[in-house]
Amino acid sequence: MIRDSVIVGLAMFAVFFGAGNLIFPPQIGFLAGDGWGAALVGLLITGMVLPVLSVVALGLRGGSVERLTAPVAPWFGSALLFVTMIGLAWLIAVPRTASVAFETGFRTLAPSLDPGIGIWLFVPLFFVVSTYFALDRSRVIDRIGRYLTPLLLGLLGIIVVWSFLAPLGAPADTGEAAPFKLGLLTGYQTGDVFGGIMFGIIFIEAFRDRGYTPGGSYTAALWGTALVTFLGLFFVYGGLEYLGATGSGVLASDVPQAGLLTALVGELAGRVGANTLAVAVLLACLTTAVGATAVLGEYIQKWTRGRVGYRTGVLAVSLTSLVQAFGGVDYIVALAEPIFLLLYPVGIAIVLLGLLPRALVNDGAWKGATLAAILMGVYDLAESLSVKLGTGLPEAVQAAHDAIPLASAGFAWLVPALVGGVAGGLVWHLSGTPNVADAEARQTPAE
C-alpha cells in the first residue's frame, strides 16, 4: 500500500505541477518579501490542499464526476465534465504545455536557434514524446510516477536546496500589507481544483488496476496518495516561494512575472541553474500533457461508446493540440479566461460538498449551493467580457456584487453558495423529498 501510494502520489504531483505553477510561488515570495511565511499559508490552502482534496472527494464519492455530482442532477456531472474537458483540457491545458515548454524551456536551452525554426522542430517532437507515454493506458501512471516525476523533483530539488544553502539575500520589507491574501488569491487562480476534478479519474483507475476495491485499504491508500502529493507540492512551492523572497531585496521590483524565476535562478546559479530550470520546465509540461491526454483519450472512448478507441482518441487529442500550440501562450491564456471565470466557483463548491458527511448535505443542499456558485460564475464572466468590450455592467449590479462579503478578496461566490446550500437543504428536508443519490451513495468507497 505504501509503495502504491508513493507511485500514484508522485504521478498526481507531476500532473498537478504544470509549468505555469513554477511561476506563481516565486512571484508570491518576491512580492511578499519578509511576509513570505504568511503568504505560503494562503497558497497552501488554495494551491495545495484544495486541489489534492478534489481527487479525494472524487475517490470517496464513487470515482467519477457523474457520481460525485449525482445529488445535483443525473445529467449535471456529464455536462460539467464535457464542458471542462473540451474547454479547459483539450483546447487549453494540453496545447499550453507545449507552448510553455517551448517559450520557457527550449528557448533557454537553445538561445541561438531562430524561434521561427525552433517551434516547428520542438512542438511536433514534444507531442511525439507525450503521445508515446500516453498511448499505453495501463502504464501511464507507472511511467509518470516511476520515471518522469523523480527527474522533475530531482531538478527542482537542486534549485530549492541551493536557495536555502546560498540565499540571494534576506527577505526584504516590500510593503505588502496582506501577504496571506496574496498567497490565497494566487493559489485560487491556478485552476488546479478543476485539474483534480478532470484528471482524478486516472489516479482512481490506477488503484483499481492494482486490485483495490471499496473499503478501508482503498480509503487509506487514497489518503496516502493525497499526503504524498501534498508533501511534494509543499516542498517545491515553499522552496520556490522562499527563493522569491530572498530575491526581493536583490532584483528590481519591476521584473516581469514571466521572467522572474529565470532571473532568480540565473542570479543564484548562473547559466547552469538556468539550464537546470529549463529542463525542469520541460518535464513539468510533459507530465501534465501526458496525464491530460490520457484522460481525454479515456473520455473520448466513453463518449463515443467505444466507437472511437482509446489510442485513436489519444492521437486525435495530440494532433489537434499540436495545431493549437502554435498560437502561443498569450493566445491560449486569453482563450482560457472566460471558461475559467465561469466554471471555477462551482468547481470549488462541488469539492467542498463532496468532502462533507452525507448526513449533513442532502440533495437540496447540493442543488442550492451549486446553483448559487454557477450564478456567481456567470456574473464574473459577464463582468470580464464587459470590461473587454468597454461597456461595463450597470452600476446597480456592480454595487450589489461588491456588497457581498469577501467580494473584495475574490470570493464573492462563497457566501451565496453557503446561503444557497442551507436554504436548499432546508426546503428539501421540509418537503420530505427523498435523496435520489442515496442508492448510488451506498455503492461508493466512502461507505
Protein backbone atom coordinates (compact mmCIF):
# COMPACT_ATOMS: atom_id res chain seq x y z
CA MET A 1 0.00 0.00 0.00
CA ILE A 2 2.83 2.40 0.83
CA ARG A 3 4.56 1.67 -2.48
CA ASP A 4 1.34 2.19 -4.46
CA SER A 5 0.54 5.40 -2.59
CA VAL A 6 4.01 6.78 -3.31
CA ILE A 7 3.94 5.91 -7.03
CA VAL A 8 0.43 7.24 -7.62
CA GLY A 9 1.08 10.24 -5.36
CA LEU A 10 4.19 11.20 -7.31
CA ALA A 11 2.26 10.90 -10.56
CA MET A 12 -0.51 13.09 -9.15
CA PHE A 13 2.06 15.67 -8.08
CA ALA A 14 3.54 15.75 -11.57
CA VAL A 15 0.18 16.15 -13.30
CA PHE A 16 -0.82 18.96 -10.91
CA PHE A 17 2.53 20.67 -11.16
CA GLY A 18 2.29 22.18 -14.62
CA ALA A 19 4.88 24.65 -15.79
CA GLY A 20 2.62 27.59 -15.02
CA ASN A 21 2.87 26.68 -11.35
CA LEU A 22 6.61 27.19 -11.50
CA ILE A 23 5.89 30.90 -11.95
CA PHE A 24 3.38 31.58 -9.15
CA PRO A 25 5.31 30.65 -5.93
CA PRO A 26 8.43 32.77 -6.61
CA GLN A 27 6.21 35.69 -7.63
CA ILE A 28 4.33 35.43 -4.32
CA GLY A 29 7.58 35.33 -2.34
CA PHE A 30 9.04 38.22 -4.33
CA LEU A 31 6.02 40.43 -3.66
CA ALA A 32 5.56 39.33 -0.02
CA GLY A 33 9.23 39.68 0.99
CA ASP A 34 9.57 39.21 4.74
CA GLY A 35 5.89 38.24 4.86
CA TRP A 36 6.54 35.14 2.75
CA GLY A 37 5.53 32.76 5.58
CA ALA A 38 2.01 34.17 5.82
CA ALA A 39 1.78 34.15 2.03
CA LEU A 40 2.78 30.48 1.99
CA VAL A 41 -0.10 29.63 4.33
CA GLY A 42 -2.53 31.29 1.92
CA LEU A 43 -1.04 29.45 -1.05
CA LEU A 44 -1.14 26.22 0.95
CA ILE A 45 -4.93 26.42 1.23
CA THR A 46 -5.89 27.18 -2.36
CA GLY A 47 -2.88 25.90 -4.28
CA MET A 48 -2.12 22.67 -2.41
CA VAL A 49 -4.87 21.48 -0.05
CA LEU A 50 -7.96 22.13 -2.19
CA PRO A 51 -6.53 20.62 -5.41
CA VAL A 52 -5.44 17.46 -3.58
CA LEU A 53 -8.80 17.21 -1.80
CA SER A 54 -10.57 17.41 -5.16
CA VAL A 55 -9.16 13.99 -6.03
CA VAL A 56 -10.00 12.65 -2.57
CA ALA A 57 -13.60 13.86 -2.92
CA LEU A 58 -13.80 12.18 -6.32
CA GLY A 59 -12.44 8.92 -4.95
CA LEU A 60 -14.72 8.89 -1.89
CA ARG A 61 -17.82 9.62 -3.99
CA GLY A 62 -17.51 6.75 -6.43
CA GLY A 63 -14.51 7.68 -8.54
CA SER A 64 -16.31 9.66 -11.24
CA VAL A 65 -17.61 13.19 -11.69
CA GLU A 66 -21.04 11.77 -12.52
CA ARG A 67 -21.28 10.06 -9.12
CA LEU A 68 -19.75 13.00 -7.29
CA THR A 69 -22.40 15.38 -8.66
CA ALA A 70 -25.32 12.94 -8.66
CA PRO A 71 -27.17 14.92 -5.93
CA VAL A 72 -27.34 17.98 -8.24
CA ALA A 73 -28.97 16.24 -11.22
CA PRO A 74 -28.44 12.99 -13.16
CA TRP A 75 -27.13 14.91 -16.17
CA PHE A 76 -25.07 17.55 -14.36
CA GLY A 77 -21.83 15.61 -13.98
CA SER A 78 -21.71 14.59 -17.63
CA ALA A 79 -22.44 18.14 -18.78
CA LEU A 80 -19.85 19.68 -16.45
CA LEU A 81 -17.24 17.13 -17.45
CA PHE A 82 -17.88 17.61 -21.16
CA VAL A 83 -17.54 21.40 -20.93
CA THR A 84 -14.40 21.28 -18.78
CA MET A 85 -12.75 18.52 -20.78
CA ILE A 86 -13.29 20.28 -24.09
CA GLY A 87 -12.89 23.86 -22.87
CA LEU A 88 -10.14 23.56 -20.26
CA ALA A 89 -8.25 20.34 -21.02
CA TRP A 90 -8.40 19.84 -24.79
CA LEU A 91 -8.39 23.45 -26.01
CA ILE A 92 -6.28 24.91 -23.19
CA ALA A 93 -4.26 22.61 -20.93
CA VAL A 94 -2.65 20.23 -23.44
CA PRO A 95 -1.63 22.80 -26.10
CA ARG A 96 -0.47 25.24 -23.41
CA THR A 97 2.02 22.70 -22.08
CA ALA A 98 3.78 22.59 -25.44
CA SER A 99 3.75 26.38 -25.82
CA VAL A 100 5.15 26.99 -22.33
CA ALA A 101 7.74 24.24 -22.78
CA PHE A 102 8.94 25.91 -25.97
CA GLU A 103 8.96 29.52 -24.79
CA THR A 104 10.34 28.95 -21.28
CA GLY A 105 12.31 25.72 -21.60
CA PHE A 106 13.52 25.05 -25.12
CA ARG A 107 14.46 28.64 -25.97
CA THR A 108 16.61 28.82 -22.83
CA LEU A 109 18.45 25.65 -23.83
CA ALA A 110 18.84 26.73 -27.48
CA PRO A 111 19.05 30.55 -27.40
CA SER A 112 20.90 30.82 -30.73
CA LEU A 113 18.29 28.89 -32.73
CA ASP A 114 15.82 31.03 -34.66
CA PRO A 115 12.42 30.83 -32.82
CA GLY A 116 10.54 30.50 -36.11
CA ILE A 117 12.50 27.36 -36.94
CA GLY A 118 12.68 26.12 -33.36
CA ILE A 119 8.93 25.99 -32.81
CA TRP A 120 8.45 23.81 -35.91
CA LEU A 121 11.07 21.41 -34.61
CA PHE A 122 10.14 21.37 -30.94
CA VAL A 123 6.32 21.29 -30.81
CA PRO A 124 5.91 18.17 -33.01
CA LEU A 125 8.69 16.39 -31.09
CA PHE A 126 7.04 17.33 -27.77
CA PHE A 127 3.77 15.71 -28.83
CA VAL A 128 5.51 12.63 -30.18
CA VAL A 129 7.04 12.04 -26.74
CA SER A 130 3.85 12.84 -24.77
CA THR A 131 1.79 10.60 -27.08
CA TYR A 132 4.24 7.74 -26.61
CA PHE A 133 3.81 7.88 -22.82
CA ALA A 134 0.02 8.28 -23.03
CA LEU A 135 -0.73 5.54 -25.58
CA ASP A 136 -0.23 2.65 -23.16
CA ARG A 137 -3.15 3.31 -20.84
CA SER A 138 -2.22 0.62 -18.34
CA ARG A 139 1.26 2.09 -17.76
CA VAL A 140 0.59 5.84 -17.81
CA ILE A 141 0.71 6.28 -14.03
CA ASP A 142 3.71 3.98 -13.62
CA ARG A 143 5.66 5.84 -16.31
CA ILE A 144 4.92 9.22 -14.77
CA GLY A 145 5.35 8.13 -11.15
CA ARG A 146 8.44 5.94 -11.62
CA TYR A 147 10.43 7.89 -14.19
CA LEU A 148 9.29 11.40 -15.09
CA THR A 149 8.39 12.69 -11.61
CA PRO A 150 11.63 11.65 -9.87
CA LEU A 151 13.55 13.50 -12.60
CA LEU A 152 11.35 16.57 -12.17
CA LEU A 153 11.60 16.53 -8.37
CA GLY A 154 15.35 15.98 -8.53
CA LEU A 155 15.94 19.03 -10.72
CA LEU A 156 13.59 21.23 -8.71
CA GLY A 157 15.12 19.90 -5.51
CA ILE A 158 18.55 21.11 -6.60
CA ILE A 159 17.20 24.63 -7.08
CA VAL A 160 15.25 24.60 -3.79
CA VAL A 161 18.13 23.25 -1.68
CA TRP A 162 20.55 25.67 -3.35
CA SER A 163 18.29 28.60 -2.46
CA PHE A 164 18.43 27.62 1.23
CA LEU A 165 22.17 26.88 1.33
CA ALA A 166 23.18 30.03 -0.53
CA PRO A 167 20.28 32.50 -0.33
CA LEU A 168 20.40 35.56 -2.55
CA GLY A 169 19.77 37.80 0.44
CA ALA A 170 17.48 38.38 3.41
CA PRO A 171 13.76 38.76 2.56
CA ALA A 172 13.07 42.49 2.36
CA ASP A 173 10.16 44.59 3.56
CA THR A 174 8.23 45.04 0.30
CA GLY A 175 5.32 46.95 1.82
CA GLU A 176 2.87 44.15 1.09
CA ALA A 177 0.06 44.75 3.60
CA ALA A 178 -1.77 41.43 3.16
CA PRO A 179 0.67 38.61 2.29
CA PHE A 180 -1.80 35.89 3.35
CA LYS A 181 -4.43 37.26 0.96
CA LEU A 182 -1.80 37.49 -1.80
CA GLY A 183 -0.95 33.80 -1.45
CA LEU A 184 -4.59 32.78 -1.10
CA LEU A 185 -5.76 34.54 -4.26
CA THR A 186 -2.80 33.49 -6.35
CA GLY A 187 -3.36 29.86 -5.43
CA TYR A 188 -7.04 30.26 -6.29
CA GLN A 189 -6.06 31.47 -9.75
CA THR A 190 -4.01 28.38 -10.61
CA GLY A 191 -7.19 26.47 -11.50
CA ASP A 192 -5.82 23.23 -10.06
CA VAL A 193 -9.10 22.30 -8.36
CA PHE A 194 -10.56 21.60 -11.80
CA GLY A 195 -7.40 19.74 -12.65
CA GLY A 196 -8.24 17.31 -9.86
CA ILE A 197 -11.86 17.01 -10.96
CA MET A 198 -10.93 16.40 -14.58
CA PHE A 199 -7.85 14.21 -14.18
CA GLY A 200 -8.60 12.48 -10.88
CA ILE A 201 -10.12 9.50 -12.63
CA ILE A 202 -6.72 8.27 -13.86
CA PHE A 203 -5.49 8.06 -10.26
CA ILE A 204 -8.65 6.30 -9.10
CA GLU A 205 -8.31 3.85 -12.00
CA ALA A 206 -4.66 3.30 -11.08
CA PHE A 207 -5.75 2.00 -7.66
CA ARG A 208 -8.48 -0.16 -9.19
CA ASP A 209 -5.95 -1.67 -11.60
CA ARG A 210 -3.83 -2.57 -8.59
CA GLY A 211 -6.70 -4.55 -7.10
CA TYR A 212 -8.06 -2.03 -4.60
CA THR A 213 -11.80 -2.22 -4.01
CA PRO A 214 -14.09 -0.03 -1.87
CA GLY A 215 -13.17 -0.39 1.75
CA GLY A 216 -10.59 0.52 4.35
CA SER A 217 -7.48 -0.26 2.29
CA TYR A 218 -8.77 1.76 -0.66
CA THR A 219 -9.53 4.77 1.53
CA ALA A 220 -6.18 4.52 3.33
CA ALA A 221 -4.29 4.31 0.02
CA LEU A 222 -6.26 7.27 -1.34
CA TRP A 223 -5.37 9.46 1.65
CA GLY A 224 -1.77 8.22 1.48
CA THR A 225 -1.59 9.34 -2.13
CA ALA A 226 -3.02 12.72 -1.17
CA LEU A 227 -0.35 13.08 1.52
CA VAL A 228 2.49 12.27 -0.90
CA THR A 229 1.14 14.77 -3.44
CA PHE A 230 0.73 17.48 -0.81
CA LEU A 231 4.27 16.99 0.54
CA GLY A 232 5.68 17.25 -2.98
CA LEU A 233 3.76 20.45 -3.67
CA PHE A 234 4.69 21.91 -0.29
CA PHE A 235 8.39 21.20 -0.77
CA VAL A 236 8.53 22.74 -4.26
CA TYR A 237 6.09 25.62 -3.71
CA GLY A 238 7.60 26.52 -0.36
CA GLY A 239 11.15 26.39 -1.68
CA LEU A 240 10.41 28.44 -4.77
CA GLU A 241 8.48 30.99 -2.72
CA TYR A 242 11.42 31.33 -0.35
CA LEU A 243 13.71 31.81 -3.35
CA GLY A 244 11.49 34.67 -4.50
CA ALA A 245 11.52 36.19 -1.01
CA THR A 246 15.34 36.11 -0.85
CA GLY A 247 15.44 37.96 -4.15
CA SER A 248 13.02 40.69 -3.03
CA GLY A 249 15.88 42.90 -1.92
CA VAL A 250 18.22 41.97 -4.78
CA LEU A 251 16.27 42.26 -8.04
CA ALA A 252 14.44 45.33 -9.29
CA SER A 253 10.77 45.46 -8.30
CA ASP A 254 9.63 45.77 -11.94
CA VAL A 255 10.91 42.34 -13.04
CA PRO A 256 8.12 40.82 -15.20
CA GLN A 257 6.35 37.80 -13.76
CA ALA A 258 7.16 35.53 -16.69
CA GLY A 259 10.89 36.20 -16.37
CA LEU A 260 11.18 36.36 -12.58
CA LEU A 261 12.06 32.73 -11.89
CA THR A 262 14.63 32.64 -14.68
CA ALA A 263 16.19 35.83 -13.30
CA LEU A 264 16.24 34.43 -9.75
CA VAL A 265 17.80 31.13 -10.77
CA GLY A 266 20.28 32.91 -13.04
CA GLU A 267 21.30 35.15 -10.13
CA LEU A 268 21.54 32.12 -7.84
CA ALA A 269 23.37 29.64 -10.04
CA GLY A 270 24.28 31.29 -13.35
CA ARG A 271 23.90 29.55 -16.69
CA VAL A 272 23.99 26.09 -15.14
CA GLY A 273 20.99 26.98 -12.95
CA ALA A 274 19.07 28.49 -15.86
CA ASN A 275 19.58 25.31 -17.91
CA THR A 276 18.52 23.14 -14.97
CA LEU A 277 15.36 25.19 -14.63
CA ALA A 278 14.68 24.88 -18.36
CA VAL A 279 14.87 21.08 -18.16
CA ALA A 280 12.53 21.14 -15.14
CA VAL A 281 10.05 23.22 -17.15
CA LEU A 282 10.18 20.70 -19.99
CA LEU A 283 9.49 17.81 -17.59
CA ALA A 284 6.70 19.69 -15.78
CA CYS A 285 4.99 20.39 -19.10
CA LEU A 286 5.49 16.85 -20.34
CA THR A 287 4.00 15.17 -17.26
CA THR A 288 0.93 17.42 -17.40
CA ALA A 289 0.49 16.77 -21.12
CA VAL A 290 0.73 13.00 -20.65
CA GLY A 291 -1.83 12.94 -17.85
CA ALA A 292 -4.30 15.25 -19.61
CA THR A 293 -4.00 13.40 -22.93
CA ALA A 294 -4.59 10.04 -21.25
CA VAL A 295 -7.73 11.28 -19.50
CA LEU A 296 -9.10 12.82 -22.69
CA GLY A 297 -8.47 9.54 -24.52
CA GLU A 298 -10.47 7.72 -21.83
CA TYR A 299 -13.41 10.09 -22.16
CA ILE A 300 -13.43 10.12 -25.95
CA GLN A 301 -13.78 6.35 -25.82
CA LYS A 302 -16.56 6.69 -23.25
CA TRP A 303 -18.45 9.47 -25.06
CA THR A 304 -18.42 7.55 -28.35
CA ARG A 305 -19.40 4.31 -26.57
CA GLY A 306 -16.32 2.55 -27.84
CA ARG A 307 -16.70 3.51 -31.49
CA VAL A 308 -13.51 5.55 -31.09
CA GLY A 309 -10.86 3.61 -29.21
CA TYR A 310 -8.57 4.94 -26.51
CA ARG A 311 -5.47 5.02 -28.71
CA THR A 312 -7.33 6.78 -31.53
CA GLY A 313 -8.63 9.33 -29.03
CA VAL A 314 -5.10 9.98 -27.74
CA LEU A 315 -3.84 10.54 -31.28
CA ALA A 316 -6.73 12.92 -32.04
CA VAL A 317 -6.02 14.97 -28.91
CA SER A 318 -2.31 15.18 -29.70
CA LEU A 319 -2.81 16.21 -33.34
CA THR A 320 -5.36 18.94 -32.60
CA SER A 321 -3.36 20.20 -29.62
CA LEU A 322 -0.27 20.39 -31.80
CA VAL A 323 -2.07 22.81 -34.13
CA GLN A 324 -3.43 24.85 -31.20
CA ALA A 325 0.02 25.09 -29.59
CA PHE A 326 1.40 27.13 -32.48
CA GLY A 327 -0.84 30.02 -31.35
CA GLY A 328 1.47 30.67 -28.40
CA VAL A 329 0.98 31.09 -24.66
CA ASP A 330 -0.69 34.52 -24.75
CA TYR A 331 -3.33 33.35 -27.23
CA ILE A 332 -4.15 30.24 -25.21
CA VAL A 333 -4.32 32.13 -21.89
CA ALA A 334 -6.70 34.70 -23.40
CA LEU A 335 -8.87 31.86 -24.69
CA ALA A 336 -8.98 30.21 -21.24
CA GLU A 337 -10.02 33.23 -19.16
CA PRO A 338 -13.79 33.25 -19.87
CA ILE A 339 -14.11 29.49 -19.30
CA PHE A 340 -12.11 29.70 -16.09
CA LEU A 341 -14.21 32.54 -14.66
CA LEU A 342 -17.45 30.71 -15.40
CA LEU A 343 -16.54 27.30 -14.01
CA TYR A 344 -14.14 27.74 -11.10
CA PRO A 345 -16.63 28.78 -8.36
CA VAL A 346 -18.81 25.73 -8.98
CA GLY A 347 -15.71 23.51 -9.05
CA ILE A 348 -14.65 24.50 -5.53
CA ALA A 349 -18.23 24.27 -4.25
CA ILE A 350 -18.56 20.71 -5.56
CA VAL A 351 -15.27 19.62 -3.97
CA LEU A 352 -16.22 21.02 -0.56
CA LEU A 353 -19.67 19.41 -0.75
CA GLY A 354 -18.09 16.08 -1.70
CA LEU A 355 -15.91 16.09 1.41
CA LEU A 356 -18.77 16.73 3.84
CA PRO A 357 -20.50 13.77 5.52
CA ARG A 358 -23.59 12.70 3.59
CA ALA A 359 -25.74 13.13 6.70
CA LEU A 360 -25.05 16.89 6.64
CA VAL A 361 -25.81 17.62 2.98
CA ASN A 362 -28.95 16.34 1.33
CA ASP A 363 -29.70 16.72 -2.38
CA GLY A 364 -31.32 20.10 -1.81
CA ALA A 365 -28.13 21.48 -0.26
CA TRP A 366 -26.16 20.33 -3.30
CA LYS A 367 -28.66 21.92 -5.69
CA GLY A 368 -28.83 25.24 -3.84
CA ALA A 369 -25.08 25.66 -3.36
CA THR A 370 -24.28 24.64 -6.94
CA LEU A 371 -26.89 26.97 -8.43
CA ALA A 372 -25.59 29.92 -6.41
CA ALA A 373 -21.99 29.19 -7.44
CA ILE A 374 -22.98 28.96 -11.11
CA LEU A 375 -24.81 32.30 -10.94
CA MET A 376 -21.75 33.96 -9.42
CA GLY A 377 -19.60 32.43 -12.14
CA VAL A 378 -21.95 33.86 -14.76
CA TYR A 379 -21.53 37.30 -13.17
CA ASP A 380 -17.71 37.01 -13.22
CA LEU A 381 -17.85 36.01 -16.87
CA ALA A 382 -20.20 38.87 -17.77
CA GLU A 383 -18.03 41.38 -15.92
CA SER A 384 -14.88 40.21 -17.68
CA LEU A 385 -16.49 40.36 -21.11
CA SER A 386 -17.99 43.79 -20.43
CA VAL A 387 -14.56 45.15 -19.50
CA LYS A 388 -13.05 43.77 -22.68
CA LEU A 389 -15.87 45.23 -24.76
CA GLY A 390 -15.60 48.58 -22.95
CA THR A 391 -19.29 48.62 -21.97
CA GLY A 392 -19.27 47.79 -18.26
CA LEU A 393 -22.10 46.33 -16.22
CA PRO A 394 -24.87 48.53 -14.74
CA GLU A 395 -23.71 50.33 -11.60
CA ALA A 396 -26.54 48.86 -9.52
CA VAL A 397 -25.47 45.33 -10.44
CA GLN A 398 -21.82 46.05 -9.63
CA ALA A 399 -22.75 47.68 -6.32
CA ALA A 400 -24.83 44.67 -5.31
CA HIS A 401 -21.96 42.35 -6.15
CA ASP A 402 -19.38 44.42 -4.27
CA ALA A 403 -21.60 44.42 -1.17
CA ILE A 404 -21.32 40.65 -0.85
CA PRO A 405 -18.94 39.63 1.97
CA LEU A 406 -15.47 38.59 0.74
CA ALA A 407 -16.16 40.01 -2.74
CA SER A 408 -13.12 42.28 -2.50
CA ALA A 409 -10.96 39.22 -1.79
CA GLY A 410 -12.16 37.40 -4.90
CA PHE A 411 -14.50 35.02 -3.07
CA ALA A 412 -17.86 36.64 -3.83
CA TRP A 413 -19.30 33.20 -4.62
CA LEU A 414 -18.63 31.73 -1.14
CA VAL A 415 -21.38 33.36 0.94
CA PRO A 416 -24.08 32.96 -1.76
CA ALA A 417 -23.11 29.28 -2.09
CA LEU A 418 -23.39 28.80 1.68
CA VAL A 419 -26.78 30.56 1.77
CA GLY A 420 -27.97 28.58 -1.25
CA GLY A 421 -26.85 25.32 0.31
CA VAL A 422 -28.57 25.99 3.66
CA ALA A 423 -31.77 27.22 2.02
CA GLY A 424 -31.86 24.35 -0.48
CA GLY A 425 -31.18 21.78 2.20
CA LEU A 426 -33.90 23.17 4.47
CA VAL A 427 -36.51 23.23 1.71
CA TRP A 428 -35.58 19.70 0.67
CA HIS A 429 -35.82 18.44 4.25
CA LEU A 430 -39.17 20.10 4.96
CA SER A 431 -40.65 18.81 1.71
CA GLY A 432 -39.78 15.25 2.67
CA THR A 433 -38.34 14.58 -0.77
CA PRO A 434 -36.05 11.54 -0.79
CA ASN A 435 -32.44 11.84 -1.88
CA VAL A 436 -32.20 10.38 -5.36
CA ALA A 437 -28.47 9.75 -4.84
CA ASP A 438 -28.87 7.51 -1.77
CA ALA A 439 -28.84 4.28 -3.73
CA GLU A 440 -25.76 5.42 -5.62
CA ALA A 441 -24.04 6.52 -2.43
CA ARG A 442 -24.36 3.10 -0.83
CA GLN A 443 -22.14 1.69 -3.59
CA THR A 444 -19.25 4.15 -3.18
CA PRO A 445 -15.95 3.66 -1.33
CA ALA A 446 -16.88 6.23 1.31
CA GLU A 447 -19.02 3.58 2.96
